[in-house]
Amino acid sequence: MKKKSIIGLVLSAVMAFGVLAGCQKADASKEDASKKYIIACDSKYAPFSFEESGKYKGIDVELLEAIAKAEGFEYELKPMDFSAIIPGLTSNQLDGAIAGMSITEERKKALDFSEGYFESGLSIVANAKNASLNGLNDLNGKSAAIKKGTAGSQFAEDNQSKYSLKLNYFDDSPTMFLDVENGNSDFLLEDYPVIAYKIKVDGSSKLKIAGDKLSSVDYGFAVNKGKNAELLKKFNDGLKKLKENGEYDKIVGQYIGK
């Protein structure tokens, strides 16, 4: 009798634990489904993210919107200076970022990236009137305008001694462009699609692309290393869907011609 009672108690406990675990799992799933992610973009990085008539638009902004719709998640967009985005991710103040961020081995030490969503590359950009600067071989002794925390700043810092460069730092692309247009710096380093878009749409631009691209690299959606794996998966799954149904080409094609 005692034996049967003990077995009955054990079975009851196991069943109760199973029900409790099931409830916790359901609650966790519900919580995950209803979570609103905080996702950053670069506040001034046309054609990927920029403000127009009080609203943000661009390739990054519109891809994120379409992916969130396809995967059924909510987010709050946080436009900010690029230099603040990686610290925001690593301190868990941000859940993710889509900010024209190049996937590099150095960044992979602190961040996890999605599949590449855009192939970019780094370009040298000079004042259109500067006939003496036409490529990599003309950089010696020159001054460079660079944006903090970018692939351009990394290239300039890595090659500062080699080319005897003077480095001038800026928080955003428009201020960096203006510095070279005004002749305060000899050249700047910017991602090719960004500068190509600016020169195309800005009829008054005083800039030129000097020589060939210095590199080719993919942009990726980023999260803190080891965190938000579910968000990263949703981004990758949504990106795949957009590429398959033609929505990706439609969004990118608005800003950059094939």
C-alpha atoms as a PDB file:
ATOM      1  CA  MET A   1       0.000   0.000   0.000  1.00  0.00           C
ATOM      2  CA  LYS A   2       2.756   2.337   0.973  1.00  0.00           C
ATOM      3  CA  LYS A   3       4.646   1.376  -2.182  1.00  0.00           C
ATOM      4  CA  LYS A   4       1.627   2.200  -4.374  1.00  0.00           C
ATOM      5  CA  SER A   5       1.170   5.527  -2.596  1.00  0.00           C
ATOM      6  CA  ILE A   6       4.789   6.469  -3.162  1.00  0.00           C
ATOM      7  CA  ILE A   7       4.575   5.549  -6.867  1.00  0.00           C
ATOM      8  CA  GLY A   8       1.382   7.569  -7.151  1.00  0.00           C
ATOM      9  CA  LEU A   9       3.019  10.601  -5.564  1.00  0.00           C
ATOM     10  CA  VAL A  10       6.028  10.341  -7.877  1.00  0.00           C
ATOM     11  CA  LEU A  11       3.792  10.090 -10.952  1.00  0.00           C
ATOM     12  CA  SER A  12       1.746  13.077  -9.790  1.00  0.00           C
ATOM     13  CA  ALA A  13       4.908  15.103  -9.256  1.00  0.00           C
ATOM     14  CA  VAL A  14       6.229  14.198 -12.726  1.00  0.00           C
ATOM     15  CA  MET A  15       2.927  15.153 -14.344  1.00  0.00           C
ATOM     16  CA  ALA A  16       2.795  18.429 -12.429  1.00  0.00           C
ATOM     17  CA  PHE A  17       6.363  19.233 -13.451  1.00  0.00           C
ATOM     18  CA  GLY A  18       5.504  18.472 -17.087  1.00  0.00           C
ATOM     19  CA  VAL A  19       2.485  20.766 -16.985  1.00  0.00           C
ATOM     20  CA  LEU A  20       4.544  23.516 -15.322  1.00  0.00           C
ATOM     21  CA  ALA A  21       7.371  23.150 -17.863  1.00  0.00           C
ATOM     22  CA  GLY A  22       4.828  23.239 -20.678  1.00  0.00           C
ATOM     23  CA  CYS A  23       3.308  26.431 -19.282  1.00  0.00           C
ATOM     24  CA  GLN A  24       6.751  28.012 -18.923  1.00  0.00           C
ATOM     25  CA  LYS A  25       7.622  27.056 -22.510  1.00  0.00           C
ATOM     26  CA  ALA A  26       4.331  28.483 -23.772  1.00  0.00           C
ATOM     27  CA  ASP A  27       4.880  31.668 -21.767  1.00  0.00           C
ATOM     28  CA  ALA A  28       8.434  31.971 -23.152  1.00  0.00           C
ATOM     29  CA  SER A  29       7.168  31.492 -26.708  1.00  0.00           C
ATOM     30  CA  LYS A  30       4.462  34.072 -26.117  1.00  0.00           C
ATOM     31  CA  GLU A  31       7.025  36.496 -24.693  1.00  0.00           C
ATOM     32  CA  ASP A  32       9.382  35.898 -27.641  1.00  0.00           C
ATOM     33  CA  ALA A  33       6.582  36.436 -30.173  1.00  0.00           C
ATOM     34  CA  SER A  34       5.476  39.688 -28.549  1.00  0.00           C
ATOM     35  CA  LYS A  35       8.993  41.116 -28.053  1.00  0.00           C
ATOM     36  CA  LYS A  36       9.684  44.481 -29.651  1.00  0.00           C
ATOM     37  CA  TYR A  37      13.302  44.694 -30.789  1.00  0.00           C
ATOM     38  CA  ILE A  38      15.367  47.897 -30.632  1.00  0.00           C
ATOM     39  CA  ILE A  39      17.224  48.093 -33.969  1.00  0.00           C
ATOM     40  CA  ALA A  40      19.645  50.854 -34.957  1.00  0.00           C
ATOM     41  CA  CYS A  41      20.381  52.382 -38.324  1.00  0.00           C
ATOM     42  CA  ASP A  42      22.890  55.056 -39.337  1.00  0.00           C
ATOM     43  CA  SER A  43      21.082  58.392 -39.123  1.00  0.00           C
ATOM     44  CA  LYS A  44      22.901  59.922 -42.121  1.00  0.00           C
ATOM     45  CA  TYR A  45      23.928  57.295 -44.646  1.00  0.00           C
ATOM     46  CA  ALA A  46      22.072  57.721 -47.942  1.00  0.00           C
ATOM     47  CA  PRO A  47      21.035  55.676 -49.854  1.00  0.00           C
ATOM     48  CA  PHE A  48      20.902  53.131 -47.008  1.00  0.00           C
ATOM     49  CA  SER A  49      19.302  55.237 -44.291  1.00  0.00           C
ATOM     50  CA  PHE A  50      18.414  58.919 -44.265  1.00  0.00           C
ATOM     51  CA  GLU A  51      15.665  61.261 -43.148  1.00  0.00           C
ATOM     52  CA  GLU A  52      13.307  62.855 -45.638  1.00  0.00           C
ATOM     53  CA  SER A  53      10.242  64.921 -44.676  1.00  0.00           C
ATOM     54  CA  GLY A  54      10.484  63.707 -41.080  1.00  0.00           C
ATOM     55  CA  LYS A  55      10.596  60.006 -42.002  1.00  0.00           C
ATOM     56  CA  TYR A  56      13.488  57.588 -42.414  1.00  0.00           C
ATOM     57  CA  LYS A  57      13.913  55.755 -45.700  1.00  0.00           C
ATOM     58  CA  GLY A  58      16.600  53.998 -47.728  1.00  0.00           C
ATOM     59  CA  ILE A  59      17.785  50.472 -48.512  1.00  0.00           C
ATOM     60  CA  ASP A  60      18.518  49.481 -44.891  1.00  0.00           C
ATOM     61  CA  VAL A  61      15.300  50.969 -43.527  1.00  0.00           C
ATOM     62  CA  GLU A  62      13.068  49.438 -46.197  1.00  0.00           C
ATOM     63  CA  LEU A  63      14.730  46.004 -46.151  1.00  0.00           C
ATOM     64  CA  LEU A  64      14.264  45.843 -42.377  1.00  0.00           C
ATOM     65  CA  GLU A  65      10.617  46.860 -42.678  1.00  0.00           C
ATOM     66  CA  ALA A  66       9.946  44.199 -45.333  1.00  0.00           C
ATOM     67  CA  ILE A  67      11.806  41.478 -43.397  1.00  0.00           C
ATOM     68  CA  ALA A  68       9.941  42.285 -40.172  1.00  0.00           C
ATOM     69  CA  LYS A  69       6.651  42.044 -42.051  1.00  0.00           C
ATOM     70  CA  ALA A  70       7.633  38.725 -43.661  1.00  0.00           C
ATOM     71  CA  GLU A  71       8.781  37.224 -40.338  1.00  0.00           C
ATOM     72  CA  GLY A  72       6.108  38.784 -38.123  1.00  0.00           C
ATOM     73  CA  PHE A  73       8.212  40.663 -35.582  1.00  0.00           C
ATOM     74  CA  GLU A  74       7.966  44.211 -34.204  1.00  0.00           C
ATOM     75  CA  TYR A  75      10.830  46.657 -33.793  1.00  0.00           C
ATOM     76  CA  GLU A  76      11.640  50.230 -32.908  1.00  0.00           C
ATOM     77  CA  LEU A  77      14.051  51.950 -35.306  1.00  0.00           C
ATOM     78  CA  LYS A  78      16.819  53.944 -33.575  1.00  0.00           C
ATOM     79  CA  PRO A  79      18.697  56.240 -35.991  1.00  0.00           C
ATOM     80  CA  MET A  80      22.078  57.240 -34.520  1.00  0.00           C
ATOM     81  CA  ASP A  81      25.689  58.125 -35.357  1.00  0.00           C
ATOM     82  CA  PHE A  82      27.515  55.054 -36.663  1.00  0.00           C
ATOM     83  CA  SER A  83      30.234  55.399 -34.015  1.00  0.00           C
ATOM     84  CA  ALA A  84      27.650  54.743 -31.263  1.00  0.00           C
ATOM     85  CA  ILE A  85      26.101  51.627 -32.838  1.00  0.00           C
ATOM     86  CA  ILE A  86      28.672  48.934 -31.988  1.00  0.00           C
ATOM     87  CA  PRO A  87      28.991  50.130 -28.350  1.00  0.00           C
ATOM     88  CA  GLY A  88      25.170  50.084 -28.203  1.00  0.00           C
ATOM     89  CA  LEU A  89      25.127  46.461 -29.373  1.00  0.00           C
ATOM     90  CA  THR A  90      27.907  45.215 -27.104  1.00  0.00           C
ATOM     91  CA  SER A  91      26.305  46.873 -24.046  1.00  0.00           C
ATOM     92  CA  ASN A  92      22.927  45.271 -24.933  1.00  0.00           C
ATOM     93  CA  GLN A  93      21.226  48.666 -25.288  1.00  0.00           C
ATOM     94  CA  LEU A  94      20.406  47.618 -28.859  1.00  0.00           C
ATOM     95  CA  ASP A  95      19.050  44.258 -30.014  1.00  0.00           C
ATOM     96  CA  GLY A  96      20.334  44.615 -33.574  1.00  0.00           C
ATOM     97  CA  ALA A  97      21.651  47.010 -36.201  1.00  0.00           C
ATOM     98  CA  ILE A  98      21.307  47.459 -39.941  1.00  0.00           C
ATOM     99  CA  ALA A  99      23.662  50.291 -40.746  1.00  0.00           C
ATOM    100  CA  GLY A 100      25.702  49.584 -43.859  1.00  0.00           C
ATOM    101  CA  MET A 101      28.060  47.697 -41.553  1.00  0.00           C
ATOM    102  CA  SER A 102      30.846  45.797 -43.310  1.00  0.00           C
ATOM    103  CA  ILE A 103      31.360  42.227 -42.121  1.00  0.00           C
ATOM    104  CA  THR A 104      34.988  42.073 -40.965  1.00  0.00           C
ATOM    105  CA  GLU A 105      37.012  39.574 -38.937  1.00  0.00           C
ATOM    106  CA  GLU A 106      37.717  42.260 -36.342  1.00  0.00           C
ATOM    107  CA  ARG A 107      34.016  42.993 -35.828  1.00  0.00           C
ATOM    108  CA  LYS A 108      33.213  39.279 -35.657  1.00  0.00           C
ATOM    109  CA  LYS A 109      35.137  39.152 -32.365  1.00  0.00           C
ATOM    110  CA  ALA A 110      32.383  41.211 -30.717  1.00  0.00           C
ATOM    111  CA  LEU A 111      29.363  40.740 -33.007  1.00  0.00           C
ATOM    112  CA  ASP A 112      27.401  38.044 -34.830  1.00  0.00           C
ATOM    113  CA  PHE A 113      26.387  38.856 -38.408  1.00  0.00           C
ATOM    114  CA  SER A 114      23.640  37.786 -40.767  1.00  0.00           C
ATOM    115  CA  GLU A 115      24.281  36.558 -44.268  1.00  0.00           C
ATOM    116  CA  GLY A 116      25.527  39.456 -46.382  1.00  0.00           C
ATOM    117  CA  TYR A 117      22.634  41.570 -47.649  1.00  0.00           C
ATOM    118  CA  PHE A 118      24.605  43.926 -49.926  1.00  0.00           C
ATOM    119  CA  GLU A 119      28.023  43.779 -51.615  1.00  0.00           C
ATOM    120  CA  SER A 120      29.924  47.011 -51.159  1.00  0.00           C
ATOM    121  CA  GLY A 121      33.511  48.257 -51.410  1.00  0.00           C
ATOM    122  CA  LEU A 122      35.695  51.132 -50.267  1.00  0.00           C
ATOM    123  CA  SER A 123      36.459  54.105 -52.537  1.00  0.00           C
ATOM    124  CA  ILE A 124      38.856  57.038 -52.449  1.00  0.00           C
ATOM    125  CA  VAL A 125      36.963  60.298 -52.985  1.00  0.00           C
ATOM    126  CA  ALA A 126      38.600  63.645 -53.792  1.00  0.00           C
ATOM    127  CA  ASN A 127      37.569  67.161 -54.699  1.00  0.00           C
ATOM    128  CA  ALA A 128      36.570  67.157 -58.374  1.00  0.00           C
ATOM    129  CA  LYS A 129      39.054  69.992 -59.025  1.00  0.00           C
ATOM    130  CA  ASN A 130      41.961  68.046 -57.535  1.00  0.00           C
ATOM    131  CA  ALA A 131      43.768  66.844 -60.669  1.00  0.00           C
ATOM    132  CA  SER A 132      46.721  65.469 -58.683  1.00  0.00           C
ATOM    133  CA  LEU A 133      44.740  62.831 -56.804  1.00  0.00           C
ATOM    134  CA  ASN A 134      43.468  59.995 -58.963  1.00  0.00           C
ATOM    135  CA  GLY A 135      43.992  56.846 -56.946  1.00  0.00           C
ATOM    136  CA  LEU A 136      45.913  54.909 -54.312  1.00  0.00           C
ATOM    137  CA  ASN A 137      49.353  55.903 -55.653  1.00  0.00           C
ATOM    138  CA  ASP A 138      48.608  59.588 -55.046  1.00  0.00           C
ATOM    139  CA  LEU A 139      47.862  59.425 -51.293  1.00  0.00           C
ATOM    140  CA  ASN A 140      51.350  60.059 -49.913  1.00  0.00           C
ATOM    141  CA  GLY A 141      51.488  63.008 -47.512  1.00  0.00           C
ATOM    142  CA  LYS A 142      47.782  63.794 -47.937  1.00  0.00           C
ATOM    143  CA  SER A 143      45.094  64.536 -45.347  1.00  0.00           C
ATOM    144  CA  ALA A 144      42.135  62.156 -45.053  1.00  0.00           C
ATOM    145  CA  ALA A 145      38.600  62.836 -43.828  1.00  0.00           C
ATOM    146  CA  ILE A 146      37.227  59.668 -42.222  1.00  0.00           C
ATOM    147  CA  LYS A 147      34.117  58.650 -40.314  1.00  0.00           C
ATOM    148  CA  LYS A 148      34.699  57.157 -36.868  1.00  0.00           C
ATOM    149  CA  GLY A 149      34.401  53.392 -36.531  1.00  0.00           C
ATOM    150  CA  THR A 150      34.058  52.617 -40.247  1.00  0.00           C
ATOM    151  CA  ALA A 151      35.957  50.472 -42.750  1.00  0.00           C
ATOM    152  CA  GLY A 152      37.331  53.745 -44.155  1.00  0.00           C
ATOM    153  CA  SER A 153      38.787  54.794 -40.820  1.00  0.00           C
ATOM    154  CA  GLN A 154      40.276  51.307 -40.356  1.00  0.00           C
ATOM    155  CA  PHE A 155      41.980  51.476 -43.772  1.00  0.00           C
ATOM    156  CA  ALA A 156      43.361  54.968 -43.073  1.00  0.00           C
ATOM    157  CA  GLU A 157      44.664  53.997 -39.624  1.00  0.00           C
ATOM    158  CA  ASP A 158      46.249  50.793 -40.954  1.00  0.00           C
ATOM    159  CA  ASN A 159      48.006  52.739 -43.726  1.00  0.00           C
ATOM    160  CA  GLN A 160      48.747  56.009 -41.917  1.00  0.00           C
ATOM    161  CA  SER A 161      52.491  55.377 -41.613  1.00  0.00           C
ATOM    162  CA  LYS A 162      52.800  53.898 -45.099  1.00  0.00           C
ATOM    163  CA  TYR A 163      51.358  57.015 -46.771  1.00  0.00           C
ATOM    164  CA  SER A 164      52.238  59.614 -44.082  1.00  0.00           C
ATOM    165  CA  LEU A 165      48.561  60.520 -43.743  1.00  0.00           C
ATOM    166  CA  LYS A 166      47.009  63.211 -41.574  1.00  0.00           C
ATOM    167  CA  LEU A 167      43.670  61.930 -40.270  1.00  0.00           C
ATOM    168  CA  ASN A 168      40.628  64.143 -39.643  1.00  0.00           C
ATOM    169  CA  TYR A 169      37.717  62.389 -37.915  1.00  0.00           C
ATOM    170  CA  PHE A 170      33.983  63.021 -38.363  1.00  0.00           C
ATOM    171  CA  ASP A 171      30.759  61.592 -36.917  1.00  0.00           C
ATOM    172  CA  ASP A 172      28.731  61.429 -40.130  1.00  0.00           C
ATOM    173  CA  SER A 173      29.118  61.240 -43.903  1.00  0.00           C
ATOM    174  CA  PRO A 174      27.631  64.653 -44.904  1.00  0.00           C
ATOM    175  CA  THR A 175      30.124  66.554 -42.692  1.00  0.00           C
ATOM    176  CA  MET A 176      32.964  64.448 -44.067  1.00  0.00           C
ATOM    177  CA  PHE A 177      31.857  65.187 -47.669  1.00  0.00           C
ATOM    178  CA  LEU A 178      31.704  68.917 -46.935  1.00  0.00           C
ATOM    179  CA  ASP A 179      35.214  68.887 -45.491  1.00  0.00           C
ATOM    180  CA  VAL A 180      36.669  67.590 -48.780  1.00  0.00           C
ATOM    181  CA  GLU A 181      34.426  69.809 -50.925  1.00  0.00           C
ATOM    182  CA  ASN A 182      35.737  72.825 -49.013  1.00  0.00           C
ATOM    183  CA  GLY A 183      39.344  71.707 -49.468  1.00  0.00           C
ATOM    184  CA  ASN A 184      40.089  71.171 -45.769  1.00  0.00           C
ATOM    185  CA  SER A 185      41.059  67.519 -46.378  1.00  0.00           C
ATOM    186  CA  ASP A 186      42.570  66.136 -49.592  1.00  0.00           C
ATOM    187  CA  PHE A 187      40.381  63.026 -49.777  1.00  0.00           C
ATOM    188  CA  LEU A 188      37.899  60.869 -47.903  1.00  0.00           C
ATOM    189  CA  LEU A 189      37.197  57.150 -47.741  1.00  0.00           C
ATOM    190  CA  GLU A 190      33.615  56.025 -48.235  1.00  0.00           C
ATOM    191  CA  ASP A 191      31.695  52.942 -49.330  1.00  0.00           C
ATOM    192  CA  TYR A 192      31.243  52.937 -53.098  1.00  0.00           C
ATOM    193  CA  PRO A 193      27.404  52.792 -53.285  1.00  0.00           C
ATOM    194  CA  VAL A 194      27.086  55.697 -50.841  1.00  0.00           C
ATOM    195  CA  ILE A 195      29.378  58.069 -52.711  1.00  0.00           C
ATOM    196  CA  ALA A 196      28.095  56.956 -56.123  1.00  0.00           C
ATOM    197  CA  TYR A 197      24.546  57.744 -54.980  1.00  0.00           C
ATOM    198  CA  LYS A 198      25.552  61.163 -53.616  1.00  0.00           C
ATOM    199  CA  ILE A 199      27.336  62.199 -56.816  1.00  0.00           C
ATOM    200  CA  LYS A 200      24.388  60.964 -58.911  1.00  0.00           C
ATOM    201  CA  VAL A 201      21.597  62.765 -57.023  1.00  0.00           C
ATOM    202  CA  ASP A 202      23.513  65.879 -55.930  1.00  0.00           C
ATOM    203  CA  GLY A 203      23.954  68.054 -58.993  1.00  0.00           C
ATOM    204  CA  SER A 204      26.077  70.518 -57.010  1.00  0.00           C
ATOM    205  CA  SER A 205      28.504  67.909 -55.657  1.00  0.00           C
ATOM    206  CA  LYS A 206      32.174  68.879 -55.962  1.00  0.00           C
ATOM    207  CA  LEU A 207      33.421  65.330 -55.444  1.00  0.00           C
ATOM    208  CA  LYS A 208      34.857  62.598 -57.677  1.00  0.00           C
ATOM    209  CA  ILE A 209      35.687  58.935 -57.179  1.00  0.00           C
ATOM    210  CA  ALA A 210      39.464  58.587 -57.521  1.00  0.00           C
ATOM    211  CA  GLY A 211      40.531  55.287 -59.064  1.00  0.00           C
ATOM    212  CA  ASP A 212      39.279  51.752 -58.482  1.00  0.00           C
ATOM    213  CA  LYS A 213      37.598  50.362 -55.362  1.00  0.00           C
ATOM    214  CA  LEU A 214      40.101  49.455 -52.652  1.00  0.00           C
ATOM    215  CA  SER A 215      38.139  46.446 -51.487  1.00  0.00           C
ATOM    216  CA  SER A 216      34.975  44.410 -51.852  1.00  0.00           C
ATOM    217  CA  VAL A 217      32.963  43.515 -48.745  1.00  0.00           C
ATOM    218  CA  ASP A 218      29.456  42.503 -47.694  1.00  0.00           C
ATOM    219  CA  TYR A 219      27.183  44.488 -45.397  1.00  0.00           C
ATOM    220  CA  GLY A 220      25.537  42.479 -42.626  1.00  0.00           C
ATOM    221  CA  PHE A 221      22.817  42.828 -40.012  1.00  0.00           C
ATOM    222  CA  ALA A 222      24.531  42.677 -36.594  1.00  0.00           C
ATOM    223  CA  VAL A 223      23.723  41.586 -33.041  1.00  0.00           C
ATOM    224  CA  ASN A 224      25.847  41.307 -29.910  1.00  0.00           C
ATOM    225  CA  LYS A 225      27.973  38.139 -29.949  1.00  0.00           C
ATOM    226  CA  GLY A 226      26.050  35.195 -28.509  1.00  0.00           C
ATOM    227  CA  LYS A 227      22.860  37.257 -28.095  1.00  0.00           C
ATOM    228  CA  ASN A 228      19.597  37.555 -30.042  1.00  0.00           C
ATOM    229  CA  ALA A 229      20.150  34.438 -32.141  1.00  0.00           C
ATOM    230  CA  GLU A 230      16.395  34.309 -32.791  1.00  0.00           C
ATOM    231  CA  LEU A 231      16.453  37.821 -34.297  1.00  0.00           C
ATOM    232  CA  LEU A 232      19.429  36.927 -36.492  1.00  0.00           C
ATOM    233  CA  LYS A 233      17.593  33.846 -37.770  1.00  0.00           C
ATOM    234  CA  LYS A 234      14.474  35.889 -38.508  1.00  0.00           C
ATOM    235  CA  PHE A 235      16.561  38.382 -40.483  1.00  0.00           C
ATOM    236  CA  ASN A 236      18.265  35.633 -42.529  1.00  0.00           C
ATOM    237  CA  ASP A 237      14.963  33.838 -43.188  1.00  0.00           C
ATOM    238  CA  GLY A 238      13.243  37.069 -44.185  1.00  0.00           C
ATOM    239  CA  LEU A 239      16.125  38.151 -46.439  1.00  0.00           C
ATOM    240  CA  LYS A 240      15.947  34.810 -48.255  1.00  0.00           C
ATOM    241  CA  LYS A 241      12.211  35.272 -48.818  1.00  0.00           C
ATOM    242  CA  LEU A 242      12.695  38.808 -50.188  1.00  0.00           C
ATOM    243  CA  LYS A 243      15.349  37.627 -52.619  1.00  0.00           C
ATOM    244  CA  GLU A 244      13.129  34.771 -53.802  1.00  0.00           C
ATOM    245  CA  ASN A 245       9.976  36.864 -54.312  1.00  0.00           C
ATOM    246  CA  GLY A 246      11.698  39.822 -56.004  1.00  0.00           C
ATOM    247  CA  GLU A 247      11.072  42.330 -53.199  1.00  0.00           C
ATOM    248  CA  TYR A 248      14.811  42.670 -52.488  1.00  0.00           C
ATOM    249  CA  ASP A 249      15.604  43.764 -56.064  1.00  0.00           C
ATOM    250  CA  LYS A 250      12.650  46.157 -56.003  1.00  0.00           C
ATOM    251  CA  ILE A 251      13.871  47.906 -52.824  1.00  0.00           C
ATOM    252  CA  VAL A 252      17.533  48.141 -53.865  1.00  0.00           C
ATOM    253  CA  GLY A 253      16.615  49.146 -57.430  1.00  0.00           C
ATOM    254  CA  GLN A 254      14.909  52.310 -56.220  1.00  0.00           C
ATOM    255  CA  TYR A 255      18.271  53.691 -55.103  1.00  0.00           C
ATOM    256  CA  ILE A 256      21.013  51.888 -57.025  1.00  0.00           C
ATOM    257  CA  GLY A 257      20.617  50.926 -60.655  1.00  0.00           C
ATOM    258  CA  LYS A 258      21.777  47.584 -61.920  1.00  0.00           C
END
